[in-house]
Amino acid sequence: MSDSPDTGPSADSLASEVQAAVARMYRRARSEMPDNELGETPLSVLSHLVKHGPQSLRSLSERERVTPPAMSQVVNALQASGLVTRSPDPGDGRRVLVAATGAGASLWIDGRRARDAWMNARLAELSADQRRAVSEAARILRAMADS
């Protein structure tokens, strides 16, 4: 469980450090968003819909790792705010597709621009070697998150 010059930090010693850093980075980036009332899951759903187009409730619940009834509540709140719509799936009338509205896309794009501006300014302060290290860490963390 201890660090070794040959093997680097142990998984146990690194786990809490990485989790704390990722959580802090997430909260810091979220604080740069224009004022809105969206929580973590609704914002993630909206982001996915803007990036990937209409999705079924089942695919959204699987992606967010929540139950379909919980996802239905998230979508209901987003729909009540005018950020998403529901429509029948043209390929399967039994399914419903959820899509971002223009207002939902605008909200997400404005938030993305604000977060990107903050992040770009922070990354510009780093050396080229540090930016390469951040790039590699981002790749690894994305792969871990997708596992």
N, C-alpha and C. Protein backbone atom coordinates (compact mmCIF):
# COMPACT_ATOMS: atom_id res chain seq x y z
N MET A 1 0.79 -1.19 0.00
CA MET A 1 0.00 0.00 0.00
C MET A 1 0.83 1.26 0.00
N SER A 2 2.10 1.14 0.07
CA SER A 2 2.93 2.34 0.10
C SER A 2 3.48 2.63 -1.29
N ASP A 3 3.92 3.86 -1.44
CA ASP A 3 4.51 4.26 -2.71
C ASP A 3 5.89 3.65 -2.85
N SER A 4 6.25 3.32 -4.05
CA SER A 4 7.56 2.76 -4.33
C SER A 4 8.12 3.47 -5.55
N PRO A 5 9.41 3.79 -5.54
CA PRO A 5 9.98 4.47 -6.71
C PRO A 5 9.86 3.63 -7.98
N ASP A 6 9.83 2.30 -7.83
CA ASP A 6 9.78 1.42 -9.00
C ASP A 6 8.37 1.30 -9.58
N THR A 7 7.35 1.31 -8.72
CA THR A 7 5.99 1.08 -9.20
C THR A 7 5.10 2.30 -9.11
N GLY A 8 5.57 3.36 -8.49
CA GLY A 8 4.74 4.56 -8.33
C GLY A 8 3.75 4.38 -7.21
N PRO A 9 2.81 5.29 -7.10
CA PRO A 9 1.82 5.22 -6.03
C PRO A 9 0.95 3.98 -6.16
N SER A 10 0.55 3.42 -5.02
CA SER A 10 -0.35 2.27 -5.05
C SER A 10 -1.75 2.75 -5.44
N ALA A 11 -2.56 1.82 -5.94
CA ALA A 11 -3.94 2.15 -6.30
C ALA A 11 -4.68 2.70 -5.08
N ASP A 12 -4.44 2.09 -3.91
CA ASP A 12 -5.13 2.55 -2.69
C ASP A 12 -4.78 3.99 -2.35
N SER A 13 -3.50 4.33 -2.45
CA SER A 13 -3.11 5.69 -2.06
C SER A 13 -3.53 6.72 -3.11
N LEU A 14 -3.65 6.29 -4.34
CA LEU A 14 -4.01 7.21 -5.42
C LEU A 14 -5.52 7.41 -5.56
N ALA A 15 -6.31 6.42 -5.16
CA ALA A 15 -7.76 6.46 -5.36
C ALA A 15 -8.40 7.70 -4.75
N SER A 16 -8.15 7.95 -3.49
CA SER A 16 -8.82 9.09 -2.86
C SER A 16 -8.30 10.42 -3.39
N GLU A 17 -7.02 10.46 -3.76
CA GLU A 17 -6.46 11.68 -4.32
C GLU A 17 -7.10 12.02 -5.67
N VAL A 18 -7.25 11.02 -6.53
CA VAL A 18 -7.87 11.24 -7.84
C VAL A 18 -9.34 11.61 -7.67
N GLN A 19 -10.05 10.88 -6.81
CA GLN A 19 -11.47 11.18 -6.61
C GLN A 19 -11.67 12.59 -6.09
N ALA A 20 -10.86 13.01 -5.16
CA ALA A 20 -10.98 14.36 -4.60
C ALA A 20 -10.67 15.42 -5.67
N ALA A 21 -9.63 15.18 -6.46
CA ALA A 21 -9.25 16.15 -7.50
C ALA A 21 -10.33 16.26 -8.57
N VAL A 22 -10.87 15.12 -9.00
CA VAL A 22 -11.91 15.13 -10.03
C VAL A 22 -13.17 15.82 -9.50
N ALA A 23 -13.55 15.51 -8.27
CA ALA A 23 -14.74 16.15 -7.69
C ALA A 23 -14.54 17.65 -7.56
N ARG A 24 -13.38 18.06 -7.11
CA ARG A 24 -13.10 19.50 -6.96
C ARG A 24 -13.09 20.19 -8.33
N MET A 25 -12.48 19.57 -9.33
CA MET A 25 -12.45 20.14 -10.68
C MET A 25 -13.87 20.26 -11.23
N TYR A 26 -14.69 19.24 -11.00
CA TYR A 26 -16.06 19.28 -11.48
C TYR A 26 -16.83 20.43 -10.83
N ARG A 27 -16.72 20.55 -9.51
CA ARG A 27 -17.43 21.63 -8.81
C ARG A 27 -16.93 22.99 -9.27
N ARG A 28 -15.64 23.12 -9.48
CA ARG A 28 -15.06 24.40 -9.92
C ARG A 28 -15.55 24.76 -11.32
N ALA A 29 -15.55 23.80 -12.22
CA ALA A 29 -16.04 24.06 -13.58
C ALA A 29 -17.53 24.38 -13.56
N ARG A 30 -18.31 23.66 -12.76
CA ARG A 30 -19.75 23.94 -12.66
C ARG A 30 -20.02 25.35 -12.15
N SER A 31 -19.13 25.85 -11.27
CA SER A 31 -19.35 27.19 -10.72
C SER A 31 -19.19 28.27 -11.79
N GLU A 32 -18.59 27.95 -12.91
CA GLU A 32 -18.40 28.91 -14.01
C GLU A 32 -19.62 29.01 -14.91
N MET A 33 -20.57 28.11 -14.74
CA MET A 33 -21.76 28.12 -15.60
C MET A 33 -22.65 29.31 -15.29
N PRO A 34 -23.32 29.83 -16.32
CA PRO A 34 -24.32 30.86 -16.06
C PRO A 34 -25.36 30.29 -15.09
N ASP A 35 -25.99 31.16 -14.34
CA ASP A 35 -26.97 30.74 -13.34
C ASP A 35 -28.03 29.83 -13.94
N ASN A 36 -28.21 28.68 -13.33
CA ASN A 36 -29.34 27.80 -13.69
C ASN A 36 -29.63 26.89 -12.52
N GLU A 37 -30.75 26.24 -12.60
CA GLU A 37 -31.22 25.40 -11.50
C GLU A 37 -30.96 23.92 -11.75
N LEU A 38 -30.28 23.58 -12.81
CA LEU A 38 -30.11 22.16 -13.14
C LEU A 38 -29.12 21.48 -12.20
N GLY A 39 -29.46 20.27 -11.82
CA GLY A 39 -28.56 19.45 -11.03
C GLY A 39 -27.63 18.66 -11.94
N GLU A 40 -26.85 17.80 -11.34
CA GLU A 40 -25.84 17.03 -12.07
C GLU A 40 -26.45 16.12 -13.14
N THR A 41 -27.44 15.31 -12.77
CA THR A 41 -28.02 14.38 -13.75
C THR A 41 -28.77 15.10 -14.85
N PRO A 42 -29.64 16.07 -14.55
CA PRO A 42 -30.31 16.78 -15.65
C PRO A 42 -29.32 17.45 -16.60
N LEU A 43 -28.27 18.03 -16.06
CA LEU A 43 -27.28 18.68 -16.92
C LEU A 43 -26.57 17.66 -17.78
N SER A 44 -26.25 16.51 -17.22
CA SER A 44 -25.59 15.45 -17.99
C SER A 44 -26.51 14.93 -19.09
N VAL A 45 -27.79 14.76 -18.78
CA VAL A 45 -28.76 14.31 -19.79
C VAL A 45 -28.87 15.33 -20.90
N LEU A 46 -29.01 16.59 -20.55
CA LEU A 46 -29.11 17.65 -21.55
C LEU A 46 -27.86 17.67 -22.43
N SER A 47 -26.71 17.56 -21.83
CA SER A 47 -25.45 17.53 -22.57
C SER A 47 -25.44 16.38 -23.58
N HIS A 48 -25.84 15.21 -23.13
CA HIS A 48 -25.85 14.04 -24.01
C HIS A 48 -26.82 14.22 -25.17
N LEU A 49 -27.99 14.79 -24.88
CA LEU A 49 -28.98 15.00 -25.94
C LEU A 49 -28.49 16.02 -26.97
N VAL A 50 -27.84 17.07 -26.50
CA VAL A 50 -27.32 18.09 -27.42
C VAL A 50 -26.23 17.47 -28.30
N LYS A 51 -25.36 16.70 -27.70
CA LYS A 51 -24.23 16.12 -28.45
C LYS A 51 -24.63 14.97 -29.37
N HIS A 52 -25.61 14.15 -28.94
CA HIS A 52 -25.89 12.91 -29.66
C HIS A 52 -27.29 12.78 -30.23
N GLY A 53 -28.10 13.81 -30.05
CA GLY A 53 -29.44 13.77 -30.62
C GLY A 53 -30.43 13.00 -29.76
N PRO A 54 -31.65 12.84 -30.28
CA PRO A 54 -32.71 12.20 -29.51
C PRO A 54 -32.32 10.80 -29.02
N GLN A 55 -32.79 10.50 -27.80
CA GLN A 55 -32.48 9.22 -27.16
C GLN A 55 -33.74 8.69 -26.49
N SER A 56 -33.79 7.39 -26.30
CA SER A 56 -34.89 6.79 -25.55
C SER A 56 -34.65 6.96 -24.06
N LEU A 57 -35.73 6.88 -23.28
CA LEU A 57 -35.59 6.93 -21.83
C LEU A 57 -34.68 5.81 -21.33
N ARG A 58 -34.81 4.64 -21.92
CA ARG A 58 -33.99 3.50 -21.50
C ARG A 58 -32.51 3.78 -21.73
N SER A 59 -32.16 4.30 -22.90
CA SER A 59 -30.74 4.56 -23.17
C SER A 59 -30.21 5.65 -22.25
N LEU A 60 -31.03 6.65 -21.95
CA LEU A 60 -30.60 7.70 -21.02
C LEU A 60 -30.42 7.15 -19.61
N SER A 61 -31.34 6.30 -19.17
CA SER A 61 -31.21 5.75 -17.82
C SER A 61 -30.00 4.83 -17.72
N GLU A 62 -29.73 4.05 -18.77
CA GLU A 62 -28.54 3.20 -18.76
C GLU A 62 -27.27 4.04 -18.75
N ARG A 63 -27.24 5.09 -19.54
CA ARG A 63 -26.06 5.94 -19.60
C ARG A 63 -25.78 6.61 -18.26
N GLU A 64 -26.83 7.08 -17.61
CA GLU A 64 -26.68 7.78 -16.32
C GLU A 64 -26.65 6.83 -15.13
N ARG A 65 -26.91 5.55 -15.41
CA ARG A 65 -26.92 4.52 -14.36
C ARG A 65 -27.94 4.83 -13.28
N VAL A 66 -29.14 5.17 -13.74
CA VAL A 66 -30.28 5.37 -12.85
C VAL A 66 -31.43 4.51 -13.36
N THR A 67 -32.44 4.30 -12.54
CA THR A 67 -33.59 3.50 -12.95
C THR A 67 -34.42 4.26 -13.97
N PRO A 68 -35.15 3.54 -14.83
CA PRO A 68 -36.03 4.24 -15.78
C PRO A 68 -37.03 5.18 -15.10
N PRO A 69 -37.65 4.81 -13.95
CA PRO A 69 -38.54 5.78 -13.29
C PRO A 69 -37.81 7.05 -12.84
N ALA A 70 -36.58 6.89 -12.36
CA ALA A 70 -35.80 8.07 -11.95
C ALA A 70 -35.49 8.94 -13.17
N MET A 71 -35.15 8.32 -14.30
CA MET A 71 -34.86 9.08 -15.51
C MET A 71 -36.13 9.77 -16.00
N SER A 72 -37.26 9.11 -15.87
CA SER A 72 -38.52 9.73 -16.27
C SER A 72 -38.77 11.01 -15.47
N GLN A 73 -38.44 11.00 -14.19
CA GLN A 73 -38.58 12.20 -13.36
C GLN A 73 -37.65 13.32 -13.84
N VAL A 74 -36.42 12.96 -14.18
CA VAL A 74 -35.46 13.95 -14.69
C VAL A 74 -35.98 14.55 -15.98
N VAL A 75 -36.43 13.70 -16.89
CA VAL A 75 -36.94 14.18 -18.18
C VAL A 75 -38.20 15.02 -17.98
N ASN A 76 -39.07 14.63 -17.05
CA ASN A 76 -40.27 15.43 -16.77
C ASN A 76 -39.89 16.84 -16.33
N ALA A 77 -38.87 16.94 -15.45
CA ALA A 77 -38.44 18.26 -14.98
C ALA A 77 -37.83 19.07 -16.12
N LEU A 78 -37.02 18.44 -16.95
CA LEU A 78 -36.42 19.13 -18.10
C LEU A 78 -37.52 19.58 -19.07
N GLN A 79 -38.52 18.74 -19.27
CA GLN A 79 -39.61 19.08 -20.18
C GLN A 79 -40.43 20.24 -19.61
N ALA A 80 -40.69 20.21 -18.32
CA ALA A 80 -41.46 21.29 -17.69
C ALA A 80 -40.72 22.63 -17.79
N SER A 81 -39.40 22.57 -17.86
CA SER A 81 -38.58 23.78 -18.01
C SER A 81 -38.42 24.19 -19.47
N GLY A 82 -38.97 23.41 -20.39
CA GLY A 82 -38.88 23.73 -21.81
C GLY A 82 -37.53 23.40 -22.42
N LEU A 83 -36.76 22.51 -21.76
CA LEU A 83 -35.41 22.20 -22.24
C LEU A 83 -35.36 20.95 -23.10
N VAL A 84 -36.37 20.08 -22.99
CA VAL A 84 -36.46 18.87 -23.82
C VAL A 84 -37.89 18.65 -24.25
N THR A 85 -38.05 17.84 -25.28
CA THR A 85 -39.37 17.40 -25.73
C THR A 85 -39.36 15.87 -25.80
N ARG A 86 -40.56 15.32 -25.78
CA ARG A 86 -40.73 13.87 -26.00
C ARG A 86 -41.55 13.71 -27.26
N SER A 87 -41.20 12.70 -28.06
CA SER A 87 -41.98 12.41 -29.26
C SER A 87 -41.91 10.92 -29.54
N PRO A 88 -42.90 10.38 -30.26
CA PRO A 88 -42.86 8.96 -30.60
C PRO A 88 -41.64 8.65 -31.48
N ASP A 89 -41.06 7.49 -31.25
CA ASP A 89 -39.95 7.02 -32.08
C ASP A 89 -40.53 6.63 -33.44
N PRO A 90 -40.06 7.26 -34.54
CA PRO A 90 -40.62 6.92 -35.85
C PRO A 90 -40.39 5.46 -36.24
N GLY A 91 -39.38 4.84 -35.68
CA GLY A 91 -39.09 3.45 -36.02
C GLY A 91 -39.82 2.45 -35.13
N ASP A 92 -40.34 2.90 -33.99
CA ASP A 92 -41.02 2.01 -33.06
C ASP A 92 -41.99 2.85 -32.24
N GLY A 93 -43.25 2.86 -32.63
CA GLY A 93 -44.26 3.70 -32.01
C GLY A 93 -44.46 3.45 -30.52
N ARG A 94 -43.95 2.32 -30.00
CA ARG A 94 -44.09 2.04 -28.57
C ARG A 94 -43.07 2.82 -27.75
N ARG A 95 -42.01 3.26 -28.39
CA ARG A 95 -40.95 3.98 -27.68
C ARG A 95 -41.14 5.48 -27.82
N VAL A 96 -40.56 6.20 -26.85
CA VAL A 96 -40.58 7.66 -26.86
C VAL A 96 -39.13 8.12 -26.94
N LEU A 97 -38.91 9.12 -27.77
CA LEU A 97 -37.58 9.72 -27.87
C LEU A 97 -37.59 11.07 -27.17
N VAL A 98 -36.51 11.36 -26.48
CA VAL A 98 -36.33 12.63 -25.80
C VAL A 98 -35.30 13.42 -26.59
N ALA A 99 -35.58 14.70 -26.85
CA ALA A 99 -34.67 15.55 -27.61
C ALA A 99 -34.54 16.90 -26.93
N ALA A 100 -33.37 17.51 -27.04
CA ALA A 100 -33.16 18.86 -26.51
C ALA A 100 -33.91 19.86 -27.39
N THR A 101 -34.49 20.86 -26.75
CA THR A 101 -35.12 21.95 -27.49
C THR A 101 -34.04 22.99 -27.81
N GLY A 102 -34.41 24.00 -28.57
CA GLY A 102 -33.49 25.10 -28.84
C GLY A 102 -33.04 25.77 -27.55
N ALA A 103 -33.97 25.94 -26.61
CA ALA A 103 -33.63 26.57 -25.32
C ALA A 103 -32.67 25.68 -24.53
N GLY A 104 -32.90 24.36 -24.59
CA GLY A 104 -32.02 23.43 -23.89
C GLY A 104 -30.61 23.45 -24.48
N ALA A 105 -30.54 23.45 -25.81
CA ALA A 105 -29.24 23.51 -26.48
C ALA A 105 -28.52 24.81 -26.16
N SER A 106 -29.26 25.92 -26.17
CA SER A 106 -28.65 27.22 -25.85
C SER A 106 -28.11 27.25 -24.43
N LEU A 107 -28.89 26.73 -23.49
CA LEU A 107 -28.43 26.69 -22.10
C LEU A 107 -27.14 25.90 -21.99
N TRP A 108 -27.12 24.73 -22.63
CA TRP A 108 -25.93 23.88 -22.56
C TRP A 108 -24.74 24.55 -23.25
N ILE A 109 -24.96 25.14 -24.42
CA ILE A 109 -23.88 25.79 -25.16
C ILE A 109 -23.31 26.97 -24.38
N ASP A 110 -24.18 27.79 -23.78
CA ASP A 110 -23.70 28.92 -22.97
C ASP A 110 -22.86 28.43 -21.79
N GLY A 111 -23.32 27.37 -21.14
CA GLY A 111 -22.56 26.79 -20.03
C GLY A 111 -21.23 26.24 -20.49
N ARG A 112 -21.23 25.57 -21.63
CA ARG A 112 -20.00 25.00 -22.19
C ARG A 112 -18.99 26.10 -22.49
N ARG A 113 -19.46 27.18 -23.09
CA ARG A 113 -18.56 28.30 -23.41
C ARG A 113 -17.93 28.88 -22.15
N ALA A 114 -18.74 29.06 -21.11
CA ALA A 114 -18.22 29.63 -19.85
C ALA A 114 -17.20 28.68 -19.22
N ARG A 115 -17.53 27.39 -19.19
CA ARG A 115 -16.59 26.41 -18.60
C ARG A 115 -15.31 26.32 -19.44
N ASP A 116 -15.47 26.31 -20.76
CA ASP A 116 -14.30 26.24 -21.64
C ASP A 116 -13.39 27.45 -21.47
N ALA A 117 -13.98 28.63 -21.34
CA ALA A 117 -13.17 29.85 -21.16
C ALA A 117 -12.35 29.75 -19.88
N TRP A 118 -13.00 29.30 -18.80
CA TRP A 118 -12.27 29.14 -17.54
C TRP A 118 -11.17 28.10 -17.68
N MET A 119 -11.50 26.94 -18.26
CA MET A 119 -10.52 25.86 -18.39
C MET A 119 -9.38 26.25 -19.32
N ASN A 120 -9.69 26.89 -20.44
CA ASN A 120 -8.65 27.32 -21.37
C ASN A 120 -7.66 28.28 -20.71
N ALA A 121 -8.18 29.18 -19.88
CA ALA A 121 -7.29 30.11 -19.17
C ALA A 121 -6.38 29.36 -18.21
N ARG A 122 -6.92 28.35 -17.51
CA ARG A 122 -6.10 27.57 -16.58
C ARG A 122 -5.05 26.76 -17.34
N LEU A 123 -5.44 26.14 -18.44
CA LEU A 123 -4.50 25.32 -19.21
C LEU A 123 -3.41 26.17 -19.85
N ALA A 124 -3.73 27.40 -20.23
CA ALA A 124 -2.73 28.29 -20.83
C ALA A 124 -1.64 28.66 -19.84
N GLU A 125 -1.94 28.55 -18.54
CA GLU A 125 -0.94 28.86 -17.51
C GLU A 125 0.07 27.73 -17.32
N LEU A 126 -0.21 26.55 -17.89
CA LEU A 126 0.65 25.39 -17.71
C LEU A 126 1.75 25.35 -18.76
N SER A 127 2.82 24.65 -18.43
CA SER A 127 3.89 24.43 -19.40
C SER A 127 3.42 23.39 -20.42
N ALA A 128 4.14 23.28 -21.52
CA ALA A 128 3.81 22.29 -22.56
C ALA A 128 3.84 20.88 -21.97
N ASP A 129 4.83 20.58 -21.14
CA ASP A 129 4.91 19.25 -20.51
C ASP A 129 3.71 19.00 -19.60
N GLN A 130 3.30 20.00 -18.85
CA GLN A 130 2.14 19.85 -17.98
C GLN A 130 0.87 19.64 -18.80
N ARG A 131 0.73 20.35 -19.91
CA ARG A 131 -0.46 20.15 -20.76
C ARG A 131 -0.47 18.74 -21.36
N ARG A 132 0.69 18.22 -21.74
CA ARG A 132 0.76 16.84 -22.23
C ARG A 132 0.34 15.86 -21.13
N ALA A 133 0.80 16.11 -19.91
CA ALA A 133 0.43 15.23 -18.79
C ALA A 133 -1.07 15.30 -18.53
N VAL A 134 -1.65 16.49 -18.58
CA VAL A 134 -3.10 16.64 -18.38
C VAL A 134 -3.85 15.93 -19.51
N SER A 135 -3.36 16.03 -20.73
CA SER A 135 -3.99 15.36 -21.86
C SER A 135 -4.00 13.84 -21.65
N GLU A 136 -2.89 13.29 -21.23
CA GLU A 136 -2.81 11.85 -20.99
C GLU A 136 -3.70 11.45 -19.81
N ALA A 137 -3.70 12.24 -18.76
CA ALA A 137 -4.55 11.94 -17.61
C ALA A 137 -6.03 11.98 -18.02
N ALA A 138 -6.41 12.95 -18.83
CA ALA A 138 -7.80 13.05 -19.29
C ALA A 138 -8.19 11.81 -20.09
N ARG A 139 -7.30 11.34 -20.94
CA ARG A 139 -7.57 10.14 -21.73
C ARG A 139 -7.78 8.94 -20.82
N ILE A 140 -6.92 8.80 -19.85
CA ILE A 140 -7.01 7.66 -18.93
C ILE A 140 -8.27 7.75 -18.08
N LEU A 141 -8.57 8.92 -17.55
CA LEU A 141 -9.76 9.08 -16.72
C LEU A 141 -11.04 8.83 -17.52
N ARG A 142 -11.07 9.27 -18.78
CA ARG A 142 -12.24 9.02 -19.64
C ARG A 142 -12.42 7.51 -19.82
N ALA A 143 -11.32 6.79 -20.07
CA ALA A 143 -11.41 5.35 -20.25
C ALA A 143 -11.89 4.67 -18.96
N MET A 144 -11.41 5.13 -17.81
CA MET A 144 -11.86 4.57 -16.54
C MET A 144 -13.35 4.83 -16.35
N ALA A 145 -13.81 6.04 -16.66
CA ALA A 145 -15.21 6.39 -16.48
C ALA A 145 -16.11 5.57 -17.41
N ASP A 146 -15.61 5.22 -18.57
CA ASP A 146 -16.39 4.46 -19.54
C ASP A 146 -16.37 2.96 -19.30
N SER A 147 -15.58 2.52 -18.32
CA SER A 147 -15.46 1.05 -18.08
C SER A 147 -16.65 0.51 -17.31
